[in-house]
Amino acid sequence: MAQAPPTPTSSPTRPTAPAAVDDGGAASRPRGARTRLTLVHGQLRAIRVRIEDRPVLRRVWQLCVAVVGFAVLGLGVLAIPYPGPGWLIVFAGLAVLASEFVWARHLLRYARRHYDGWTAWVRRQDRPVKFAVLAATAVVIGMTLWLMGGLWLVASQLGQADWTWLRSPLLG
C-alpha cells in the first residue's frame, strides 16, 4: 500500500503542538502530583456524594461545617483589631460556612463588597483622615488589651504591679 504524500499543512518531521489549555497551573506540577491531586479530588467527591445520599450524615456534616466555620469566624472577629490577618480569618470562616449554607454565601458576598468599599474609601482620603483612622484603630486595640487584661499583664511583668489603673474592669 502506498502512503499519501504529506500535505503542506502538516510535516512528518515536526508534529503540531496541541492547543494551549488552561489547567489552573497543573501543567507546572510534576505529572505524579497531578495524578495524585486528581485521585484525591475524585475520592473527596465520592465521599461527598455518599454524604448527600444519607440525610442523617448530611445533617452531621452540616453541623461539623457550622462548628468549624463559626469557630474560625469567631477567631477572626477577635483578631480584627490587632495587627495581622483578622479580616482574612473572618473571610475564611465565612467561606467555610458558605461551602454549605446559602445565607453564608450572601453574607460573604456582602462583607467582601463592603470591605473592598471601605479600603477603597480609605485609600482615596488625605493623610489627616488616614491618620484619624489609624488613631481610632489604635484606641480600639488599646481598649481591647485593657479590657482583656493584657496591659496589666505587661505592667506586672515589668515590675509595675502598683499601676492598678491598668487592671481590667472585666477580669479584675
Protein backbone atom coordinates (compact mmCIF):
# COMPACT_ATOMS: atom_id res chain seq x y z
CA MET A 1 0.00 0.00 0.00
CA ALA A 2 1.29 3.38 -0.91
CA GLN A 3 1.31 6.16 1.66
CA ALA A 4 -0.18 9.51 0.81
CA PRO A 5 2.36 12.30 0.41
CA PRO A 6 2.48 14.77 3.30
CA THR A 7 0.23 17.78 2.91
CA PRO A 8 1.69 21.28 3.17
CA THR A 9 -0.15 21.93 6.46
CA SER A 10 1.45 19.03 8.32
CA SER A 11 5.04 17.99 8.35
CA PRO A 12 6.07 14.39 9.10
CA THR A 13 9.25 15.55 10.82
CA ARG A 14 7.67 18.16 13.15
CA PRO A 15 4.42 17.29 14.91
CA THR A 16 1.97 20.09 15.52
CA ALA A 17 1.72 21.37 19.09
CA PRO A 18 -1.56 20.81 20.89
CA ALA A 19 -3.71 23.85 21.60
CA ALA A 20 -2.98 25.60 24.89
CA VAL A 21 -5.39 24.60 27.65
CA ASP A 22 -5.84 26.46 30.92
CA ASP A 23 -5.42 23.73 33.52
CA GLY A 24 -5.14 26.02 36.54
CA GLY A 25 -1.38 25.63 36.77
CA ALA A 26 -1.48 21.82 36.75
CA ALA A 27 0.99 21.71 33.85
CA SER A 28 3.68 23.26 36.03
CA ARG A 29 3.34 20.48 38.61
CA PRO A 30 5.10 17.16 38.12
CA ARG A 31 2.97 14.53 36.39
CA GLY A 32 2.78 12.33 39.50
CA ALA A 33 1.49 15.23 41.60
CA ARG A 34 -1.21 15.98 39.02
CA THR A 35 -2.49 12.41 39.06
CA ARG A 36 -2.45 12.31 42.88
CA LEU A 37 -4.45 15.54 43.03
CA THR A 38 -6.94 14.17 40.56
CA LEU A 39 -7.23 10.97 42.57
CA VAL A 40 -7.74 12.81 45.86
CA HIS A 41 -10.28 15.14 44.26
CA GLY A 42 -12.21 12.16 42.93
CA GLN A 43 -12.17 10.44 46.31
CA LEU A 44 -13.39 13.57 48.08
CA ARG A 45 -16.17 13.96 45.53
CA ALA A 46 -17.23 10.32 46.08
CA ILE A 47 -17.32 10.86 49.85
CA ARG A 48 -19.39 13.98 49.34
CA VAL A 49 -21.88 12.09 47.15
CA ARG A 50 -22.23 9.41 49.86
CA ILE A 51 -22.86 12.12 52.46
CA GLU A 52 -25.51 13.76 50.26
CA ASP A 53 -27.30 10.41 49.82
CA ARG A 54 -27.81 9.93 53.57
CA PRO A 55 -29.94 12.60 55.33
CA VAL A 56 -28.56 11.90 58.81
CA LEU A 57 -24.98 12.04 57.57
CA ARG A 58 -25.80 15.27 55.72
CA ARG A 59 -27.03 16.88 58.96
CA VAL A 60 -23.92 15.73 60.82
CA TRP A 61 -21.78 17.16 58.01
CA GLN A 62 -23.64 20.48 58.18
CA LEU A 63 -23.22 20.57 61.95
CA CYS A 64 -19.46 19.96 61.63
CA VAL A 65 -19.16 22.67 58.95
CA ALA A 66 -21.14 25.07 61.17
CA VAL A 67 -18.98 24.39 64.23
CA VAL A 68 -15.70 24.79 62.32
CA GLY A 69 -16.96 27.81 60.38
CA PHE A 70 -18.23 29.66 63.46
CA ALA A 71 -15.04 28.85 65.38
CA VAL A 72 -12.87 30.30 62.60
CA LEU A 73 -15.24 33.26 62.23
CA GLY A 74 -15.09 33.96 65.97
CA LEU A 75 -11.30 33.86 65.99
CA GLY A 76 -11.28 36.25 63.06
CA VAL A 77 -13.61 38.71 64.78
CA LEU A 78 -11.37 38.64 67.85
CA ALA A 79 -8.30 39.24 65.67
CA ILE A 80 -9.73 42.16 63.65
CA PRO A 81 -8.43 44.98 65.85
CA TYR A 82 -4.93 43.53 66.12
CA PRO A 83 -2.16 43.68 63.56
CA GLY A 84 -2.33 40.60 61.40
CA PRO A 85 -4.79 38.71 59.28
CA GLY A 86 -8.02 39.38 61.23
CA TRP A 87 -10.19 40.09 58.21
CA LEU A 88 -8.61 37.23 56.30
CA ILE A 89 -9.62 34.87 59.11
CA VAL A 90 -13.16 36.31 59.10
CA PHE A 91 -13.46 35.74 55.36
CA ALA A 92 -12.04 32.22 55.74
CA GLY A 93 -14.67 31.42 58.37
CA LEU A 94 -17.41 32.78 56.13
CA ALA A 95 -16.02 30.76 53.22
CA VAL A 96 -16.20 27.57 55.31
CA LEU A 97 -19.82 28.37 56.19
CA ALA A 98 -20.60 29.37 52.59
CA SER A 99 -19.49 25.94 51.39
CA GLU A 100 -22.67 24.57 52.94
CA PHE A 101 -25.11 27.40 53.67
CA VAL A 102 -26.69 29.82 51.20
CA TRP A 103 -27.12 32.59 53.80
CA ALA A 104 -23.37 32.49 54.42
CA ARG A 105 -22.69 32.86 50.68
CA HIS A 106 -24.82 36.01 50.64
CA LEU A 107 -23.15 37.33 53.79
CA LEU A 108 -19.68 36.63 52.40
CA ARG A 109 -20.50 38.48 49.19
CA TYR A 110 -21.95 41.41 51.19
CA ALA A 111 -18.96 41.55 53.57
CA ARG A 112 -16.40 41.43 50.77
CA ARG A 113 -18.19 44.17 48.85
CA HIS A 114 -18.30 46.47 51.87
CA TYR A 115 -14.74 45.67 52.97
CA ASP A 116 -13.48 46.48 49.48
CA GLY A 117 -15.51 49.69 49.52
CA TRP A 118 -14.10 50.69 52.91
CA THR A 119 -10.49 50.08 51.90
CA ALA A 120 -11.01 51.95 48.61
CA TRP A 121 -12.52 54.88 50.53
CA VAL A 122 -9.58 54.98 52.98
CA ARG A 123 -7.08 54.89 50.11
CA ARG A 124 -8.72 57.93 48.49
CA GLN A 125 -8.52 60.05 51.65
CA ASP A 126 -5.91 62.64 52.57
CA ARG A 127 -3.28 62.00 55.22
CA PRO A 128 -5.24 63.55 58.15
CA VAL A 129 -8.18 61.20 57.57
CA LYS A 130 -5.87 58.21 57.23
CA PHE A 131 -4.17 59.25 60.46
CA ALA A 132 -7.57 59.54 62.20
CA VAL A 133 -8.47 56.01 61.07
CA LEU A 134 -5.11 54.76 62.33
CA ALA A 135 -5.61 56.55 65.67
CA ALA A 136 -9.12 55.11 66.05
CA THR A 137 -7.73 51.63 65.36
CA ALA A 138 -5.01 52.17 67.99
CA VAL A 139 -7.66 53.23 70.52
CA VAL A 140 -9.71 50.10 69.81
CA ILE A 141 -6.60 47.92 70.22
CA GLY A 142 -5.67 49.65 73.48
CA MET A 143 -9.19 49.35 74.89
CA THR A 144 -9.36 45.68 73.96
CA LEU A 145 -5.99 44.98 75.57
CA TRP A 146 -7.12 46.83 78.71
CA LEU A 147 -10.47 45.01 78.88
CA MET A 148 -8.84 41.62 78.37
CA GLY A 149 -6.13 42.26 80.99
CA GLY A 150 -3.24 42.48 78.55
CA LEU A 151 -1.99 45.85 79.76
CA TRP A 152 -1.98 44.69 83.41
CA LEU A 153 -0.11 41.52 82.44
CA VAL A 154 2.64 43.50 80.72
CA ALA A 155 2.83 46.07 83.54
CA SER A 156 3.11 43.39 86.23
CA GLN A 157 5.88 41.65 84.26
CA LEU A 158 7.77 44.94 84.11
CA GLY A 159 7.53 45.43 87.87
CA GLN A 160 4.72 47.97 87.82
CA ALA A 161 2.14 45.96 89.78
CA ASP A 162 1.11 49.12 91.66
CA TRP A 163 -0.39 50.59 88.48
CA THR A 164 -3.87 49.39 89.38
CA TRP A 165 -5.49 51.59 86.74
CA LEU A 166 -4.26 49.05 84.16
CA ARG A 167 -6.34 46.25 85.71
CA SER A 168 -9.22 45.02 83.61
CA PRO A 169 -12.66 46.03 84.88
CA LEU A 170 -14.00 42.75 83.45
CA LEU A 171 -11.39 40.32 84.73
CA GLY A 172 -10.44 42.09 87.96
